[in-house]
Amino acid sequence: MMTSKGCLLQSTLNDVDGVENDRGEEIHPAFAPDEDGGWRGIYPPAQEHDQAYDEYFIIVDDKTGTPARNRIYSITLDTGESIEGHTYDEGRTQYITSDKRRPLIIEVAPASEMQAD
């Protein structure tokens, strides 16, 4: 199954809701764009769910559609709190947690300012 934008849609309930993987392949809990314009399964890091909202974002290069790896980013919440870091291999940010839904601004540095490995 896919969303209207082509993202794979897999059940994380593994057969509980009637959606299963009939090929016997492992069902990944999340997906990220790959270099071929498709999607690949990823395993986000474990997270303590002590807040009502704990999300991460996958940053994608708007020209190539591939994950923006090692890109410096800043996420600013409406409280003024700023979270800075660099994206992981799948273009993922760190988790952002909050007790309620909050507007936020994500700023990503140009590729020319990539973090050195």
PDB file of N, CA and C in Angstrom:
ATOM      1  N   MET A   1       0.839  -1.183   0.000  1.00  0.00           N
ATOM      2  CA  MET A   1       0.000   0.000   0.000  1.00  0.00           C
ATOM      3  C   MET A   1       0.880   1.241   0.000  1.00  0.00           C
ATOM      4  N   MET A   2       0.364   2.314  -0.598  1.00  0.00           N
ATOM      5  CA  MET A   2       1.089   3.582  -0.637  1.00  0.00           C
ATOM      6  C   MET A   2       0.133   4.740  -0.379  1.00  0.00           C
ATOM      7  N   THR A   3       0.706   5.837   0.121  1.00  0.00           N
ATOM      8  CA  THR A   3      -0.083   7.050   0.263  1.00  0.00           C
ATOM      9  C   THR A   3      -0.249   7.673  -1.117  1.00  0.00           C
ATOM     10  N   SER A   4      -1.044   8.720  -1.206  1.00  0.00           N
ATOM     11  CA  SER A   4      -1.259   9.380  -2.494  1.00  0.00           C
ATOM     12  C   SER A   4       0.015  10.023  -3.039  1.00  0.00           C
ATOM     13  N   LYS A   5       1.011  10.252  -2.184  1.00  0.00           N
ATOM     14  CA  LYS A   5       2.287  10.837  -2.609  1.00  0.00           C
ATOM     15  C   LYS A   5       3.367   9.783  -2.825  1.00  0.00           C
ATOM     16  N   GLY A   6       3.012   8.500  -2.736  1.00  0.00           N
ATOM     17  CA  GLY A   6       3.957   7.436  -3.049  1.00  0.00           C
ATOM     18  C   GLY A   6       4.755   6.876  -1.892  1.00  0.00           C
ATOM     19  N   CYS A   7       4.493   7.332  -0.670  1.00  0.00           N
ATOM     20  CA  CYS A   7       5.202   6.796   0.488  1.00  0.00           C
ATOM     21  C   CYS A   7       4.610   5.441   0.854  1.00  0.00           C
ATOM     22  N   LEU A   8       5.485   4.471   1.143  1.00  0.00           N
ATOM     23  CA  LEU A   8       4.991   3.164   1.557  1.00  0.00           C
ATOM     24  C   LEU A   8       4.161   3.287   2.821  1.00  0.00           C
ATOM     25  N   LEU A   9       3.106   2.544   2.881  1.00  0.00           N
ATOM     26  CA  LEU A   9       2.238   2.538   4.048  1.00  0.00           C
ATOM     27  C   LEU A   9       2.222   1.118   4.581  1.00  0.00           C
ATOM     28  N   GLN A  10       2.866   0.899   5.712  1.00  0.00           N
ATOM     29  CA  GLN A  10       2.951  -0.426   6.315  1.00  0.00           C
ATOM     30  C   GLN A  10       2.379  -0.363   7.718  1.00  0.00           C
ATOM     31  N   SER A  11       1.708  -1.411   8.104  1.00  0.00           N
ATOM     32  CA  SER A  11       1.195  -1.503   9.457  1.00  0.00           C
ATOM     33  C   SER A  11       2.332  -1.802  10.414  1.00  0.00           C
ATOM     34  N   THR A  12       2.422  -1.054  11.489  1.00  0.00           N
ATOM     35  CA  THR A  12       3.409  -1.369  12.519  1.00  0.00           C
ATOM     36  C   THR A  12       2.823  -2.336  13.537  1.00  0.00           C
ATOM     37  N   LEU A  13       1.579  -2.739  13.319  1.00  0.00           N
ATOM     38  CA  LEU A  13       0.945  -3.689  14.224  1.00  0.00           C
ATOM     39  C   LEU A  13       1.251  -5.133  13.836  1.00  0.00           C
ATOM     40  N   ASN A  14       1.940  -5.340  12.700  1.00  0.00           N
ATOM     41  CA  ASN A  14       2.359  -6.670  12.281  1.00  0.00           C
ATOM     42  C   ASN A  14       1.250  -7.706  12.371  1.00  0.00           C
ATOM     43  N   ASP A  15       0.355  -7.676  11.444  1.00  0.00           N
ATOM     44  CA  ASP A  15      -0.734  -8.643  11.303  1.00  0.00           C
ATOM     45  C   ASP A  15      -1.911  -8.418  12.256  1.00  0.00           C
ATOM     46  N   VAL A  16      -1.782  -7.546  13.247  1.00  0.00           N
ATOM     47  CA  VAL A  16      -2.853  -7.371  14.215  1.00  0.00           C
ATOM     48  C   VAL A  16      -4.098  -6.787  13.568  1.00  0.00           C
ATOM     49  N   ASP A  17      -3.913  -5.854  12.633  1.00  0.00           N
ATOM     50  CA  ASP A  17      -5.058  -5.196  12.015  1.00  0.00           C
ATOM     51  C   ASP A  17      -5.403  -5.768  10.645  1.00  0.00           C
ATOM     52  N   GLY A  18      -4.853  -6.922  10.301  1.00  0.00           N
ATOM     53  CA  GLY A  18      -5.167  -7.551   9.029  1.00  0.00           C
ATOM     54  C   GLY A  18      -4.237  -7.166   7.905  1.00  0.00           C
ATOM     55  N   VAL A  19      -3.317  -6.228   8.136  1.00  0.00           N
ATOM     56  CA  VAL A  19      -2.334  -5.863   7.123  1.00  0.00           C
ATOM     57  C   VAL A  19      -1.056  -6.609   7.465  1.00  0.00           C
ATOM     58  N   GLU A  20      -0.569  -7.380   6.502  1.00  0.00           N
ATOM     59  CA  GLU A  20       0.621  -8.164   6.793  1.00  0.00           C
ATOM     60  C   GLU A  20       1.581  -8.124   5.614  1.00  0.00           C
ATOM     61  N   ASN A  21       2.756  -8.585   5.847  1.00  0.00           N
ATOM     62  CA  ASN A  21       3.768  -8.677   4.811  1.00  0.00           C
ATOM     63  C   ASN A  21       3.789 -10.121   4.335  1.00  0.00           C
ATOM     64  N   ASP A  22       3.243 -10.380   3.172  1.00  0.00           N
ATOM     65  CA  ASP A  22       3.134 -11.758   2.694  1.00  0.00           C
ATOM     66  C   ASP A  22       4.436 -12.295   2.106  1.00  0.00           C
ATOM     67  N   ARG A  23       5.477 -11.470   2.040  1.00  0.00           N
ATOM     68  CA  ARG A  23       6.771 -11.932   1.536  1.00  0.00           C
ATOM     69  C   ARG A  23       7.674 -12.422   2.661  1.00  0.00           C
ATOM     70  N   GLY A  24       7.216 -12.330   3.890  1.00  0.00           N
ATOM     71  CA  GLY A  24       8.025 -12.764   5.020  1.00  0.00           C
ATOM     72  C   GLY A  24       9.118 -11.790   5.398  1.00  0.00           C
ATOM     73  N   GLU A  25       9.091 -10.593   4.830  1.00  0.00           N
ATOM     74  CA  GLU A  25      10.108  -9.593   5.142  1.00  0.00           C
ATOM     75  C   GLU A  25       9.757  -8.865   6.432  1.00  0.00           C
ATOM     76  N   GLU A  26      10.778  -8.342   7.061  1.00  0.00           N
ATOM     77  CA  GLU A  26      10.582  -7.579   8.282  1.00  0.00           C
ATOM     78  C   GLU A  26       9.824  -6.285   7.982  1.00  0.00           C
ATOM     79  N   ILE A  27       8.941  -5.888   8.872  1.00  0.00           N
ATOM     80  CA  ILE A  27       8.202  -4.637   8.715  1.00  0.00           C
ATOM     81  C   ILE A  27       8.918  -3.561   9.522  1.00  0.00           C
ATOM     82  N   HIS A  28       9.381  -2.530   8.843  1.00  0.00           N
ATOM     83  CA  HIS A  28      10.101  -1.442   9.502  1.00  0.00           C
ATOM     84  C   HIS A  28       9.111  -0.476  10.155  1.00  0.00           C
ATOM     85  N   PRO A  29       9.508   0.151  11.254  1.00  0.00           N
ATOM     86  CA  PRO A  29       8.612   1.085  11.933  1.00  0.00           C
ATOM     87  C   PRO A  29       8.522   2.457  11.274  1.00  0.00           C
ATOM     88  N   ALA A  30       9.456   2.777  10.374  1.00  0.00           N
ATOM     89  CA  ALA A  30       9.445   4.085   9.710  1.00  0.00           C
ATOM     90  C   ALA A  30      10.124   3.956   8.350  1.00  0.00           C
ATOM     91  N   PHE A  31       9.924   4.954   7.497  1.00  0.00           N
ATOM     92  CA  PHE A  31      10.505   4.941   6.153  1.00  0.00           C
ATOM     93  C   PHE A  31      11.137   6.284   5.843  1.00  0.00           C
ATOM     94  N   ALA A  32      12.165   6.244   4.996  1.00  0.00           N
ATOM     95  CA  ALA A  32      12.858   7.454   4.549  1.00  0.00           C
ATOM     96  C   ALA A  32      13.108   7.333   3.055  1.00  0.00           C
ATOM     97  N   PRO A  33      13.216   8.463   2.355  1.00  0.00           N
ATOM     98  CA  PRO A  33      13.501   8.402   0.916  1.00  0.00           C
ATOM     99  C   PRO A  33      14.866   7.758   0.668  1.00  0.00           C
ATOM    100  N   ASP A  34      14.984   7.070  -0.472  1.00  0.00           N
ATOM    101  CA  ASP A  34      16.285   6.517  -0.847  1.00  0.00           C
ATOM    102  C   ASP A  34      16.838   7.251  -2.065  1.00  0.00           C
ATOM    103  N   GLU A  35      18.025   6.866  -2.497  1.00  0.00           N
ATOM    104  CA  GLU A  35      18.699   7.548  -3.600  1.00  0.00           C
ATOM    105  C   GLU A  35      18.002   7.348  -4.938  1.00  0.00           C
ATOM    106  N   ASP A  36      17.159   6.318  -5.051  1.00  0.00           N
ATOM    107  CA  ASP A  36      16.488   6.004  -6.310  1.00  0.00           C
ATOM    108  C   ASP A  36      15.097   6.622  -6.426  1.00  0.00           C
ATOM    109  N   GLY A  37      14.731   7.478  -5.478  1.00  0.00           N
ATOM    110  CA  GLY A  37      13.415   8.100  -5.506  1.00  0.00           C
ATOM    111  C   GLY A  37      12.334   7.244  -4.879  1.00  0.00           C
ATOM    112  N   GLY A  38      12.714   6.130  -4.273  1.00  0.00           N
ATOM    113  CA  GLY A  38      11.759   5.256  -3.586  1.00  0.00           C
ATOM    114  C   GLY A  38      11.855   5.456  -2.083  1.00  0.00           C
ATOM    115  N   TRP A  39      11.469   4.447  -1.350  1.00  0.00           N
ATOM    116  CA  TRP A  39      11.473   4.517   0.107  1.00  0.00           C
ATOM    117  C   TRP A  39      12.176   3.294   0.663  1.00  0.00           C
ATOM    118  N   ARG A  40      12.878   3.478   1.785  1.00  0.00           N
ATOM    119  CA  ARG A  40      13.516   2.349   2.451  1.00  0.00           C
ATOM    120  C   ARG A  40      13.166   2.378   3.928  1.00  0.00           C
ATOM    121  N   GLY A  41      13.103   1.205   4.526  1.00  0.00           N
ATOM    122  CA  GLY A  41      12.777   1.102   5.940  1.00  0.00           C
ATOM    123  C   GLY A  41      13.926   1.560   6.817  1.00  0.00           C
ATOM    124  N   ILE A  42      13.589   2.214   7.919  1.00  0.00           N
ATOM    125  CA  ILE A  42      14.598   2.649   8.889  1.00  0.00           C
ATOM    126  C   ILE A  42      14.127   2.295  10.288  1.00  0.00           C
ATOM    127  N   TYR A  43      15.051   2.306  11.216  1.00  0.00           N
ATOM    128  CA  TYR A  43      14.755   2.088  12.624  1.00  0.00           C
ATOM    129  C   TYR A  43      15.124   3.342  13.397  1.00  0.00           C
ATOM    130  N   PRO A  44      14.142   4.169  13.751  1.00  0.00           N
ATOM    131  CA  PRO A  44      14.462   5.344  14.555  1.00  0.00           C
ATOM    132  C   PRO A  44      14.987   4.894  15.918  1.00  0.00           C
ATOM    133  N   PRO A  45      15.788   5.721  16.567  1.00  0.00           N
ATOM    134  CA  PRO A  45      16.314   5.327  17.874  1.00  0.00           C
ATOM    135  C   PRO A  45      15.197   5.208  18.898  1.00  0.00           C
ATOM    136  N   ALA A  46      15.446   4.381  19.895  1.00  0.00           N
ATOM    137  CA  ALA A  46      14.467   4.231  20.976  1.00  0.00           C
ATOM    138  C   ALA A  46      14.272   5.583  21.652  1.00  0.00           C
ATOM    139  N   GLN A  47      13.080   5.821  22.118  1.00  0.00           N
ATOM    140  CA  GLN A  47      12.764   7.104  22.735  1.00  0.00           C
ATOM    141  C   GLN A  47      11.863   6.860  23.931  1.00  0.00           C
ATOM    142  N   GLU A  48      12.176   7.508  25.032  1.00  0.00           N
ATOM    143  CA  GLU A  48      11.281   7.484  26.183  1.00  0.00           C
ATOM    144  C   GLU A  48      10.063   8.325  25.833  1.00  0.00           C
ATOM    145  N   HIS A  49       8.909   7.780  25.997  1.00  0.00           N
ATOM    146  CA  HIS A  49       7.681   8.499  25.645  1.00  0.00           C
ATOM    147  C   HIS A  49       7.076   9.143  26.893  1.00  0.00           C
ATOM    148  N   ASP A  50       7.838  10.062  27.485  1.00  0.00           N
ATOM    149  CA  ASP A  50       7.360  10.723  28.694  1.00  0.00           C
ATOM    150  C   ASP A  50       6.636  12.034  28.396  1.00  0.00           C
ATOM    151  N   GLN A  51       6.559  12.408  27.132  1.00  0.00           N
ATOM    152  CA  GLN A  51       5.827  13.598  26.718  1.00  0.00           C
ATOM    153  C   GLN A  51       4.707  13.181  25.774  1.00  0.00           C
ATOM    154  N   ALA A  52       3.664  13.981  25.729  1.00  0.00           N
ATOM    155  CA  ALA A  52       2.535  13.665  24.843  1.00  0.00           C
ATOM    156  C   ALA A  52       2.958  13.703  23.379  1.00  0.00           C
ATOM    157  N   TYR A  53       3.913  14.559  23.034  1.00  0.00           N
ATOM    158  CA  TYR A  53       4.380  14.694  21.659  1.00  0.00           C
ATOM    159  C   TYR A  53       5.892  14.489  21.623  1.00  0.00           C
ATOM    160  N   ASP A  54       6.322  13.530  20.854  1.00  0.00           N
ATOM    161  CA  ASP A  54       7.756  13.308  20.621  1.00  0.00           C
ATOM    162  C   ASP A  54       7.913  12.872  19.172  1.00  0.00           C
ATOM    163  N   GLU A  55       8.402  13.773  18.377  1.00  0.00           N
ATOM    164  CA  GLU A  55       8.490  13.548  16.931  1.00  0.00           C
ATOM    165  C   GLU A  55       9.890  13.882  16.433  1.00  0.00           C
ATOM    166  N   TYR A  56      10.230  13.319  15.308  1.00  0.00           N
ATOM    167  CA  TYR A  56      11.437  13.703  14.595  1.00  0.00           C
ATOM    168  C   TYR A  56      11.024  14.033  13.169  1.00  0.00           C
ATOM    169  N   PHE A  57      11.913  14.645  12.438  1.00  0.00           N
ATOM    170  CA  PHE A  57      11.624  15.038  11.062  1.00  0.00           C
ATOM    171  C   PHE A  57      12.692  14.449  10.148  1.00  0.00           C
ATOM    172  N   ILE A  58      12.309  14.107   8.929  1.00  0.00           N
ATOM    173  CA  ILE A  58      13.271  13.659   7.930  1.00  0.00           C
ATOM    174  C   ILE A  58      13.406  14.777   6.907  1.00  0.00           C
ATOM    175  N   ILE A  59      14.615  15.315   6.806  1.00  0.00           N
ATOM    176  CA  ILE A  59      14.899  16.418   5.901  1.00  0.00           C
ATOM    177  C   ILE A  59      15.325  15.828   4.553  1.00  0.00           C
ATOM    178  N   VAL A  60      14.677  16.293   3.488  1.00  0.00           N
ATOM    179  CA  VAL A  60      14.944  15.783   2.145  1.00  0.00           C
ATOM    180  C   VAL A  60      15.440  16.931   1.273  1.00  0.00           C
ATOM    181  N   ASP A  61      16.469  16.679   0.489  1.00  0.00           N
ATOM    182  CA  ASP A  61      16.993  17.681  -0.435  1.00  0.00           C
ATOM    183  C   ASP A  61      15.917  18.004  -1.465  1.00  0.00           C
ATOM    184  N   ASP A  62      15.550  19.267  -1.591  1.00  0.00           N
ATOM    185  CA  ASP A  62      14.442  19.634  -2.482  1.00  0.00           C
ATOM    186  C   ASP A  62      14.794  19.497  -3.962  1.00  0.00           C
ATOM    187  N   LYS A  63      16.061  19.420  -4.301  1.00  0.00           N
ATOM    188  CA  LYS A  63      16.450  19.261  -5.709  1.00  0.00           C
ATOM    189  C   LYS A  63      16.566  17.795  -6.124  1.00  0.00           C
ATOM    190  N   THR A  64      17.118  16.964  -5.233  1.00  0.00           N
ATOM    191  CA  THR A  64      17.359  15.561  -5.589  1.00  0.00           C
ATOM    192  C   THR A  64      16.336  14.600  -5.006  1.00  0.00           C
ATOM    193  N   GLY A  65      15.631  15.029  -3.950  1.00  0.00           N
ATOM    194  CA  GLY A  65      14.669  14.150  -3.295  1.00  0.00           C
ATOM    195  C   GLY A  65      15.311  13.113  -2.390  1.00  0.00           C
ATOM    196  N   THR A  66      16.616  13.201  -2.187  1.00  0.00           N
ATOM    197  CA  THR A  66      17.308  12.241  -1.328  1.00  0.00           C
ATOM    198  C   THR A  66      17.437  12.801   0.083  1.00  0.00           C
ATOM    199  N   PRO A  67      17.658  11.921   1.069  1.00  0.00           N
ATOM    200  CA  PRO A  67      17.814  12.398   2.444  1.00  0.00           C
ATOM    201  C   PRO A  67      18.972  13.385   2.554  1.00  0.00           C
ATOM    202  N   ALA A  68      18.763  14.443   3.299  1.00  0.00           N
ATOM    203  CA  ALA A  68      19.796  15.465   3.514  1.00  0.00           C
ATOM    204  C   ALA A  68      20.670  15.011   4.679  1.00  0.00           C
ATOM    205  N   ARG A  69      21.693  14.244   4.375  1.00  0.00           N
ATOM    206  CA  ARG A  69      22.582  13.671   5.395  1.00  0.00           C
ATOM    207  C   ARG A  69      23.578  14.712   5.904  1.00  0.00           C
ATOM    208  N   ASN A  70      23.862  14.628   7.207  1.00  0.00           N
ATOM    209  CA  ASN A  70      24.871  15.495   7.835  1.00  0.00           C
ATOM    210  C   ASN A  70      24.618  16.978   7.638  1.00  0.00           C
ATOM    211  N   ARG A  71      23.375  17.370   7.511  1.00  0.00           N
ATOM    212  CA  ARG A  71      23.042  18.793   7.335  1.00  0.00           C
ATOM    213  C   ARG A  71      22.780  19.422   8.698  1.00  0.00           C
ATOM    214  N   ILE A  72      23.339  20.585   8.897  1.00  0.00           N
ATOM    215  CA  ILE A  72      23.136  21.323  10.138  1.00  0.00           C
ATOM    216  C   ILE A  72      21.726  21.909  10.118  1.00  0.00           C
ATOM    217  N   TYR A  73      21.012  21.773  11.241  1.00  0.00           N
ATOM    218  CA  TYR A  73      19.648  22.303  11.314  1.00  0.00           C
ATOM    219  C   TYR A  73      19.411  22.966  12.665  1.00  0.00           C
ATOM    220  N   SER A  74      18.386  23.787  12.703  1.00  0.00           N
ATOM    221  CA  SER A  74      17.923  24.417  13.931  1.00  0.00           C
ATOM    222  C   SER A  74      16.399  24.348  13.932  1.00  0.00           C
ATOM    223  N   ILE A  75      15.843  23.892  15.038  1.00  0.00           N
ATOM    224  CA  ILE A  75      14.387  23.840  15.196  1.00  0.00           C
ATOM    225  C   ILE A  75      14.033  24.763  16.351  1.00  0.00           C
ATOM    226  N   THR A  76      13.179  25.748  16.092  1.00  0.00           N
ATOM    227  CA  THR A  76      12.779  26.703  17.119  1.00  0.00           C
ATOM    228  C   THR A  76      11.298  26.530  17.410  1.00  0.00           C
ATOM    229  N   LEU A  77      10.987  26.264  18.678  1.00  0.00           N
ATOM    230  CA  LEU A  77       9.595  26.127  19.108  1.00  0.00           C
ATOM    231  C   LEU A  77       9.009  27.501  19.407  1.00  0.00           C
ATOM    232  N   ASP A  78       7.689  27.573  19.491  1.00  0.00           N
ATOM    233  CA  ASP A  78       7.043  28.858  19.785  1.00  0.00           C
ATOM    234  C   ASP A  78       7.363  29.360  21.183  1.00  0.00           C
ATOM    235  N   THR A  79       7.938  28.516  22.032  1.00  0.00           N
ATOM    236  CA  THR A  79       8.354  28.921  23.374  1.00  0.00           C
ATOM    237  C   THR A  79       9.684  29.657  23.353  1.00  0.00           C
ATOM    238  N   GLY A  80      10.356  29.640  22.182  1.00  0.00           N
ATOM    239  CA  GLY A  80      11.679  30.234  22.062  1.00  0.00           C
ATOM    240  C   GLY A  80      12.792  29.209  22.205  1.00  0.00           C
ATOM    241  N   GLU A  81      12.443  28.001  22.664  1.00  0.00           N
ATOM    242  CA  GLU A  81      13.451  26.949  22.790  1.00  0.00           C
ATOM    243  C   GLU A  81      14.000  26.604  21.409  1.00  0.00           C
ATOM    244  N   SER A  82      15.323  26.476  21.333  1.00  0.00           N
ATOM    245  CA  SER A  82      15.973  26.145  20.067  1.00  0.00           C
ATOM    246  C   SER A  82      16.739  24.837  20.221  1.00  0.00           C
ATOM    247  N   ILE A  83      16.542  23.933  19.285  1.00  0.00           N
ATOM    248  CA  ILE A  83      17.235  22.650  19.263  1.00  0.00           C
ATOM    249  C   ILE A  83      18.096  22.637  18.013  1.00  0.00           C
ATOM    250  N   GLU A  84      19.390  22.417  18.178  1.00  0.00           N
ATOM    251  CA  GLU A  84      20.296  22.417  17.035  1.00  0.00           C
ATOM    252  C   GLU A  84      20.997  21.076  16.934  1.00  0.00           C
ATOM    253  N   GLY A  85      21.360  20.715  15.728  1.00  0.00           N
ATOM    254  CA  GLY A  85      22.071  19.458  15.522  1.00  0.00           C
ATOM    255  C   GLY A  85      22.385  19.270  14.064  1.00  0.00           C
ATOM    256  N   HIS A  86      22.735  18.042  13.704  1.00  0.00           N
ATOM    257  CA  HIS A  86      22.936  17.706  12.293  1.00  0.00           C
ATOM    258  C   HIS A  86      22.164  16.426  12.015  1.00  0.00           C
ATOM    259  N   THR A  87      21.676  16.308  10.807  1.00  0.00           N
ATOM    260  CA  THR A  87      20.845  15.163  10.457  1.00  0.00           C
ATOM    261  C   THR A  87      21.686  13.892  10.398  1.00  0.00           C
ATOM    262  N   TYR A  88      21.030  12.787  10.698  1.00  0.00           N
ATOM    263  CA  TYR A  88      21.665  11.476  10.638  1.00  0.00           C
ATOM    264  C   TYR A  88      21.671  10.980   9.193  1.00  0.00           C
ATOM    265  N   ASP A  89      22.185   9.776   8.968  1.00  0.00           N
ATOM    266  CA  ASP A  89      22.315   9.227   7.611  1.00  0.00           C
ATOM    267  C   ASP A  89      21.012   9.210   6.826  1.00  0.00           C
ATOM    268  N   GLU A  90      19.893   8.979   7.496  1.00  0.00           N
ATOM    269  CA  GLU A  90      18.617   8.942   6.774  1.00  0.00           C
ATOM    270  C   GLU A  90      17.952  10.315   6.702  1.00  0.00           C
ATOM    271  N   GLY A  91      18.700  11.384   7.036  1.00  0.00           N
ATOM    272  CA  GLY A  91      18.176  12.741   6.979  1.00  0.00           C
ATOM    273  C   GLY A  91      17.329  13.110   8.183  1.00  0.00           C
ATOM    274  N   ARG A  92      17.367  12.276   9.222  1.00  0.00           N
ATOM    275  CA  ARG A  92      16.493  12.453  10.383  1.00  0.00           C
ATOM    276  C   ARG A  92      17.099  13.405  11.408  1.00  0.00           C
ATOM    277  N   THR A  93      16.222  14.214  12.010  1.00  0.00           N
ATOM    278  CA  THR A  93      16.623  15.071  13.126  1.00  0.00           C
ATOM    279  C   THR A  93      16.512  14.272  14.421  1.00  0.00           C
ATOM    280  N   GLN A  94      16.968  14.871  15.491  1.00  0.00           N
ATOM    281  CA  GLN A  94      16.733  14.256  16.793  1.00  0.00           C
ATOM    282  C   GLN A  94      15.255  14.416  17.161  1.00  0.00           C
ATOM    283  N   TYR A  95      14.815  13.708  18.189  1.00  0.00           N
ATOM    284  CA  TYR A  95      13.431  13.837  18.647  1.00  0.00           C
ATOM    285  C   TYR A  95      13.207  15.216  19.265  1.00  0.00           C
ATOM    286  N   ILE A  96      12.040  15.767  19.013  1.00  0.00           N
ATOM    287  CA  ILE A  96      11.600  17.016  19.626  1.00  0.00           C
ATOM    288  C   ILE A  96      10.414  16.645  20.506  1.00  0.00           C
ATOM    289  N   THR A  97      10.452  17.009  21.777  1.00  0.00           N
ATOM    290  CA  THR A  97       9.381  16.621  22.693  1.00  0.00           C
ATOM    291  C   THR A  97       8.652  17.842  23.237  1.00  0.00           C
ATOM    292  N   SER A  98       7.385  17.632  23.545  1.00  0.00           N
ATOM    293  CA  SER A  98       6.563  18.705  24.096  1.00  0.00           C
ATOM    294  C   SER A  98       5.349  18.094  24.785  1.00  0.00           C
ATOM    295  N   ASP A  99       4.775  18.836  25.704  1.00  0.00           N
ATOM    296  CA  ASP A  99       3.574  18.365  26.385  1.00  0.00           C
ATOM    297  C   ASP A  99       2.311  18.625  25.570  1.00  0.00           C
ATOM    298  N   LYS A 100       2.420  19.445  24.506  1.00  0.00           N
ATOM    299  CA  LYS A 100       1.272  19.724  23.642  1.00  0.00           C
ATOM    300  C   LYS A 100       1.760  20.084  22.243  1.00  0.00           C
ATOM    301  N   ARG A 101       0.830  20.144  21.297  1.00  0.00           N
ATOM    302  CA  ARG A 101       1.189  20.544  19.931  1.00  0.00           C
ATOM    303  C   ARG A 101       1.701  21.969  19.941  1.00  0.00           C
ATOM    304  N   ARG A 102       2.777  22.198  19.222  1.00  0.00           N
ATOM    305  CA  ARG A 102       3.368  23.532  19.166  1.00  0.00           C
ATOM    306  C   ARG A 102       3.816  23.844  17.742  1.00  0.00           C
ATOM    307  N   PRO A 103       3.630  25.098  17.318  1.00  0.00           N
ATOM    308  CA  PRO A 103       4.209  25.497  16.037  1.00  0.00           C
ATOM    309  C   PRO A 103       5.732  25.503  16.165  1.00  0.00           C
ATOM    310  N   LEU A 104       6.404  25.245  15.072  1.00  0.00           N
ATOM    311  CA  LEU A 104       7.860  25.288  15.098  1.00  0.00           C
ATOM    312  C   LEU A 104       8.396  25.735  13.747  1.00  0.00           C
ATOM    313  N   ILE A 105       9.631  26.155  13.762  1.00  0.00           N
ATOM    314  CA  ILE A 105      10.316  26.569  12.536  1.00  0.00           C
ATOM    315  C   ILE A 105      11.559  25.697  12.406  1.00  0.00           C
ATOM    316  N   ILE A 106      11.729  25.080  11.229  1.00  0.00           N
ATOM    317  CA  ILE A 106      12.925  24.284  10.953  1.00  0.00           C
ATOM    318  C   ILE A 106      13.769  25.043   9.935  1.00  0.00           C
ATOM    319  N   GLU A 107      15.015  25.285  10.292  1.00  0.00           N
ATOM    320  CA  GLU A 107      15.960  25.920   9.371  1.00  0.00           C
ATOM    321  C   GLU A 107      17.085  24.928   9.096  1.00  0.00           C
ATOM    322  N   VAL A 108      17.406  24.757   7.814  1.00  0.00           N
ATOM    323  CA  VAL A 108      18.443  23.811   7.407  1.00  0.00           C
ATOM    324  C   VAL A 108      19.532  24.571   6.666  1.00  0.00           C
ATOM    325  N   ALA A 109      20.782  24.338   7.057  1.00  0.00           N
ATOM    326  CA  ALA A 109      21.910  25.008   6.401  1.00  0.00           C
ATOM    327  C   ALA A 109      22.084  24.474   4.985  1.00  0.00           C
ATOM    328  N   PRO A 110      22.615  25.289   4.095  1.00  0.00           N
ATOM    329  CA  PRO A 110      22.878  24.820   2.726  1.00  0.00           C
ATOM    330  C   PRO A 110      23.841  23.633   2.726  1.00  0.00           C
ATOM    331  N   ALA A 111      23.801  22.851   1.665  1.00  0.00           N
ATOM    332  CA  ALA A 111      24.679  21.683   1.549  1.00  0.00           C
ATOM    333  C   ALA A 111      26.148  22.077   1.640  1.00  0.00           C
ATOM    334  N   SER A 112      26.472  23.293   1.247  1.00  0.00           N
ATOM    335  CA  SER A 112      27.866  23.749   1.316  1.00  0.00           C
ATOM    336  C   SER A 112      28.359  23.877   2.754  1.00  0.00           C
ATOM    337  N   GLU A 113      27.431  23.871   3.706  1.00  0.00           N
ATOM    338  CA  GLU A 113      27.793  23.963   5.120  1.00  0.00           C
ATOM    339  C   GLU A 113      27.564  22.637   5.825  1.00  0.00           C
ATOM    340  N   MET A 114      27.775  21.539   5.125  1.00  0.00           N
ATOM    341  CA  MET A 114      27.565  20.216   5.712  1.00  0.00           C
ATOM    342  C   MET A 114      28.537  19.978   6.851  1.00  0.00           C
ATOM    343  N   GLN A 115      28.070  19.213   7.839  1.00  0.00           N
ATOM    344  CA  GLN A 115      28.902  18.840   8.972  1.00  0.00           C
ATOM    345  C   GLN A 115      29.964  17.855   8.499  1.00  0.00           C
ATOM    346  N   ALA A 116      31.199  18.051   8.929  1.00  0.00           N
ATOM    347  CA  ALA A 116      32.271  17.110   8.568  1.00  0.00           C
ATOM    348  C   ALA A 116      32.084  15.813   9.338  1.00  0.00           C
ATOM    349  N   ASP A 117      32.393  14.685   8.685  1.00  0.00           N
ATOM    350  CA  ASP A 117      32.286  13.376   9.356  1.00  0.00           C
ATOM    351  C   ASP A 117      33.386  13.180  10.359  1.00  0.00           C
TER     352      ASP A 117
END
